[in-house]
Amino acid sequence: MKVNLEVDATPEELRRFMGWPDVQPLHEEMLNTIRERMHAGSEGYDPLSLMASFMPSQMQNMEGFQRAFWDAFASGYGGGSAGSGGKDKD
């Protein structure tokens, strides 16, 4: 049996129907904070240090970010570890 359901609703209407919170004010606040930090440190602007306060602690340096990326890539590719390069060992 195959059932198709088509809903004609705006994202706002769907959000309210599903009972999801309105995160638009939080989104705007975060963008304003980032914008202020960029303007305050525009001379020595460093995007990684700017975003560090918004990232989980294990991703606050470039090595942690790369490790998280490769771990996610390896687990999606075949469940191997990040050090295996995605290749299965025979």
N, C-alpha and C. Protein backbone atom coordinates (compact mmCIF):
# COMPACT_ATOMS: atom_id res chain seq x y z
N MET A 1 0.85 -1.16 0.00
CA MET A 1 0.00 0.00 0.00
C MET A 1 0.90 1.24 0.00
N LYS A 2 0.52 2.19 -0.79
CA LYS A 2 1.28 3.43 -0.89
C LYS A 2 0.35 4.59 -0.59
N VAL A 3 0.79 5.47 0.29
CA VAL A 3 -0.01 6.63 0.67
C VAL A 3 0.81 7.87 0.42
N ASN A 4 0.26 8.82 -0.29
CA ASN A 4 0.91 10.10 -0.52
C ASN A 4 0.12 11.17 0.22
N LEU A 5 0.83 12.02 0.91
CA LEU A 5 0.20 13.10 1.65
C LEU A 5 0.86 14.40 1.21
N GLU A 6 0.08 15.32 0.74
CA GLU A 6 0.60 16.61 0.30
C GLU A 6 0.06 17.69 1.22
N VAL A 7 0.97 18.49 1.79
CA VAL A 7 0.60 19.54 2.71
C VAL A 7 0.99 20.87 2.10
N ASP A 8 0.05 21.78 2.04
CA ASP A 8 0.31 23.12 1.54
C ASP A 8 0.31 24.06 2.74
N ALA A 9 1.50 24.30 3.29
CA ALA A 9 1.63 25.15 4.48
C ALA A 9 2.96 25.88 4.44
N THR A 10 2.97 27.04 5.05
CA THR A 10 4.22 27.78 5.16
C THR A 10 5.07 27.15 6.26
N PRO A 11 6.37 27.40 6.27
CA PRO A 11 7.21 26.87 7.36
C PRO A 11 6.71 27.30 8.74
N GLU A 12 6.23 28.53 8.84
CA GLU A 12 5.71 29.03 10.11
C GLU A 12 4.47 28.24 10.55
N GLU A 13 3.56 27.99 9.61
CA GLU A 13 2.36 27.22 9.94
C GLU A 13 2.71 25.79 10.35
N LEU A 14 3.65 25.18 9.66
CA LEU A 14 4.07 23.82 10.00
C LEU A 14 4.75 23.78 11.36
N ARG A 15 5.59 24.78 11.65
CA ARG A 15 6.26 24.84 12.95
C ARG A 15 5.23 24.91 14.07
N ARG A 16 4.25 25.76 13.92
CA ARG A 16 3.21 25.88 14.95
C ARG A 16 2.38 24.60 15.08
N PHE A 17 2.04 23.99 13.95
CA PHE A 17 1.24 22.76 13.97
C PHE A 17 2.00 21.64 14.69
N MET A 18 3.31 21.53 14.45
CA MET A 18 4.11 20.48 15.07
C MET A 18 4.46 20.80 16.53
N GLY A 19 4.26 22.04 16.94
CA GLY A 19 4.55 22.43 18.31
C GLY A 19 6.02 22.75 18.55
N TRP A 20 6.76 23.00 17.47
CA TRP A 20 8.17 23.32 17.60
C TRP A 20 8.34 24.76 18.06
N PRO A 21 9.41 25.06 18.82
CA PRO A 21 9.62 26.42 19.32
C PRO A 21 10.05 27.38 18.20
N ASP A 22 9.76 28.62 18.41
CA ASP A 22 10.18 29.66 17.47
C ASP A 22 11.59 30.09 17.87
N VAL A 23 12.58 29.72 17.06
CA VAL A 23 13.97 30.02 17.37
C VAL A 23 14.49 31.24 16.60
N GLN A 24 13.61 31.92 15.89
CA GLN A 24 14.02 33.10 15.12
C GLN A 24 14.66 34.18 16.00
N PRO A 25 14.09 34.51 17.19
CA PRO A 25 14.75 35.51 18.03
C PRO A 25 16.15 35.08 18.48
N LEU A 26 16.32 33.80 18.79
CA LEU A 26 17.65 33.29 19.18
C LEU A 26 18.61 33.39 18.00
N HIS A 27 18.13 33.04 16.83
CA HIS A 27 18.96 33.12 15.63
C HIS A 27 19.42 34.56 15.37
N GLU A 28 18.50 35.49 15.47
CA GLU A 28 18.84 36.91 15.27
C GLU A 28 19.85 37.39 16.31
N GLU A 29 19.65 36.98 17.57
CA GLU A 29 20.58 37.37 18.63
C GLU A 29 21.98 36.84 18.38
N MET A 30 22.08 35.58 17.95
CA MET A 30 23.39 35.00 17.66
C MET A 30 24.06 35.71 16.49
N LEU A 31 23.29 36.01 15.44
CA LEU A 31 23.86 36.72 14.30
C LEU A 31 24.34 38.12 14.70
N ASN A 32 23.57 38.81 15.54
CA ASN A 32 23.99 40.13 16.01
C ASN A 32 25.26 40.04 16.84
N THR A 33 25.37 39.02 17.70
CA THR A 33 26.58 38.82 18.51
C THR A 33 27.78 38.57 17.61
N ILE A 34 27.63 37.72 16.63
CA ILE A 34 28.73 37.43 15.70
C ILE A 34 29.11 38.68 14.93
N ARG A 35 28.11 39.42 14.47
CA ARG A 35 28.36 40.65 13.72
C ARG A 35 29.13 41.67 14.58
N GLU A 36 28.73 41.82 15.85
CA GLU A 36 29.42 42.75 16.75
C GLU A 36 30.86 42.33 16.98
N ARG A 37 31.08 41.04 17.18
CA ARG A 37 32.45 40.55 17.40
C ARG A 37 33.31 40.74 16.16
N MET A 38 32.72 40.57 14.99
CA MET A 38 33.48 40.77 13.75
C MET A 38 33.88 42.24 13.60
N HIS A 39 32.95 43.15 13.91
CA HIS A 39 33.26 44.57 13.79
C HIS A 39 34.27 45.01 14.85
N ALA A 40 34.16 44.46 16.05
CA ALA A 40 35.07 44.85 17.13
C ALA A 40 36.50 44.40 16.85
N GLY A 41 36.66 43.25 16.22
CA GLY A 41 38.01 42.74 15.96
C GLY A 41 38.32 42.64 14.50
N SER A 42 37.85 43.59 13.71
CA SER A 42 38.01 43.49 12.26
C SER A 42 39.48 43.53 11.82
N GLU A 43 40.35 44.19 12.59
CA GLU A 43 41.76 44.23 12.22
C GLU A 43 42.39 42.85 12.31
N GLY A 44 42.25 42.22 13.46
CA GLY A 44 42.82 40.90 13.66
C GLY A 44 41.75 39.84 13.63
N TYR A 45 40.85 39.93 12.67
CA TYR A 45 39.71 39.03 12.60
C TYR A 45 40.17 37.59 12.39
N ASP A 46 39.77 36.70 13.29
CA ASP A 46 40.09 35.28 13.20
C ASP A 46 38.79 34.50 13.32
N PRO A 47 38.27 33.96 12.22
CA PRO A 47 36.97 33.29 12.26
C PRO A 47 36.94 32.09 13.21
N LEU A 48 38.04 31.36 13.34
CA LEU A 48 38.05 30.19 14.21
C LEU A 48 37.88 30.58 15.67
N SER A 49 38.57 31.63 16.12
CA SER A 49 38.43 32.06 17.51
C SER A 49 37.05 32.67 17.75
N LEU A 50 36.48 33.30 16.72
CA LEU A 50 35.14 33.86 16.84
C LEU A 50 34.10 32.75 17.05
N MET A 51 34.21 31.67 16.31
CA MET A 51 33.23 30.59 16.37
C MET A 51 33.50 29.62 17.53
N ALA A 52 34.67 29.69 18.16
CA ALA A 52 35.01 28.74 19.23
C ALA A 52 34.00 28.78 20.37
N SER A 53 33.48 29.95 20.69
CA SER A 53 32.53 30.04 21.78
C SER A 53 31.18 29.41 21.45
N PHE A 54 30.92 29.18 20.16
CA PHE A 54 29.66 28.56 19.75
C PHE A 54 29.80 27.07 19.49
N MET A 55 31.03 26.55 19.51
CA MET A 55 31.26 25.14 19.22
C MET A 55 31.38 24.33 20.50
N PRO A 56 31.10 23.02 20.43
CA PRO A 56 31.34 22.16 21.59
C PRO A 56 32.83 22.16 21.93
N SER A 57 33.17 21.84 23.16
CA SER A 57 34.55 21.95 23.62
C SER A 57 35.52 21.10 22.82
N GLN A 58 35.11 19.92 22.33
CA GLN A 58 36.02 19.08 21.58
C GLN A 58 36.31 19.62 20.18
N MET A 59 35.56 20.63 19.74
CA MET A 59 35.77 21.18 18.41
C MET A 59 36.32 22.61 18.45
N GLN A 60 36.90 23.02 19.56
CA GLN A 60 37.34 24.41 19.68
C GLN A 60 38.72 24.66 19.09
N ASN A 61 39.37 23.65 18.55
CA ASN A 61 40.58 23.90 17.81
C ASN A 61 40.47 23.20 16.47
N MET A 62 41.32 23.52 15.55
CA MET A 62 41.20 22.98 14.20
C MET A 62 41.40 21.47 14.18
N GLU A 63 42.29 20.96 15.01
CA GLU A 63 42.51 19.51 15.05
C GLU A 63 41.25 18.78 15.51
N GLY A 64 40.58 19.31 16.52
CA GLY A 64 39.34 18.71 17.00
C GLY A 64 38.26 18.75 15.95
N PHE A 65 38.20 19.86 15.22
CA PHE A 65 37.21 20.00 14.15
C PHE A 65 37.48 18.98 13.04
N GLN A 66 38.75 18.84 12.66
CA GLN A 66 39.09 17.87 11.62
C GLN A 66 38.82 16.45 12.08
N ARG A 67 39.14 16.15 13.34
CA ARG A 67 38.90 14.81 13.88
C ARG A 67 37.40 14.49 13.86
N ALA A 68 36.57 15.45 14.26
CA ALA A 68 35.12 15.24 14.25
C ALA A 68 34.61 15.03 12.83
N PHE A 69 35.15 15.79 11.89
CA PHE A 69 34.76 15.64 10.49
C PHE A 69 35.11 14.26 9.97
N TRP A 70 36.35 13.84 10.20
CA TRP A 70 36.78 12.54 9.68
C TRP A 70 36.08 11.39 10.38
N ASP A 71 35.80 11.52 11.67
CA ASP A 71 35.05 10.48 12.37
C ASP A 71 33.65 10.34 11.79
N ALA A 72 33.00 11.46 11.52
CA ALA A 72 31.66 11.43 10.93
C ALA A 72 31.71 10.86 9.52
N PHE A 73 32.72 11.24 8.77
CA PHE A 73 32.88 10.73 7.40
C PHE A 73 33.13 9.23 7.41
N ALA A 74 34.01 8.77 8.29
CA ALA A 74 34.36 7.35 8.33
C ALA A 74 33.16 6.51 8.79
N SER A 75 32.40 6.99 9.74
CA SER A 75 31.26 6.21 10.22
C SER A 75 30.17 6.14 9.16
N GLY A 76 30.04 7.16 8.35
CA GLY A 76 29.05 7.14 7.28
C GLY A 76 29.51 6.35 6.07
N TYR A 77 30.82 6.23 5.91
CA TYR A 77 31.39 5.57 4.74
C TYR A 77 31.40 4.05 4.87
N GLY A 78 31.55 3.56 6.08
CA GLY A 78 31.57 2.11 6.23
C GLY A 78 31.83 1.69 7.65
N GLY A 79 31.78 2.63 8.56
CA GLY A 79 31.96 2.29 9.95
C GLY A 79 33.40 2.16 10.38
N GLY A 80 34.34 2.49 9.52
CA GLY A 80 35.75 2.39 9.88
C GLY A 80 36.16 3.52 10.79
N SER A 81 37.36 3.42 11.33
CA SER A 81 37.86 4.51 12.18
C SER A 81 38.47 5.58 11.31
N ALA A 82 38.71 6.74 11.90
CA ALA A 82 39.24 7.87 11.14
C ALA A 82 40.62 7.58 10.61
N GLY A 83 41.39 6.73 11.29
CA GLY A 83 42.76 6.44 10.87
C GLY A 83 42.83 5.44 9.73
N SER A 84 41.75 4.74 9.41
CA SER A 84 41.81 3.71 8.37
C SER A 84 41.67 4.30 6.96
N GLY A 85 41.29 5.57 6.88
CA GLY A 85 41.14 6.20 5.57
C GLY A 85 39.95 5.70 4.81
N GLY A 86 39.00 5.04 5.50
CA GLY A 86 37.80 4.56 4.85
C GLY A 86 37.96 3.24 4.15
N LYS A 87 39.16 2.60 4.25
CA LYS A 87 39.39 1.34 3.57
C LYS A 87 39.17 0.19 4.53
N ASP A 88 38.54 -0.85 4.06
CA ASP A 88 38.35 -2.04 4.88
C ASP A 88 39.61 -2.87 4.87
N LYS A 89 39.97 -3.40 6.03
CA LYS A 89 41.15 -4.25 6.12
C LYS A 89 40.74 -5.69 5.89
N ASP A 90 41.52 -6.41 5.09
CA ASP A 90 41.21 -7.81 4.81
C ASP A 90 41.94 -8.74 5.74
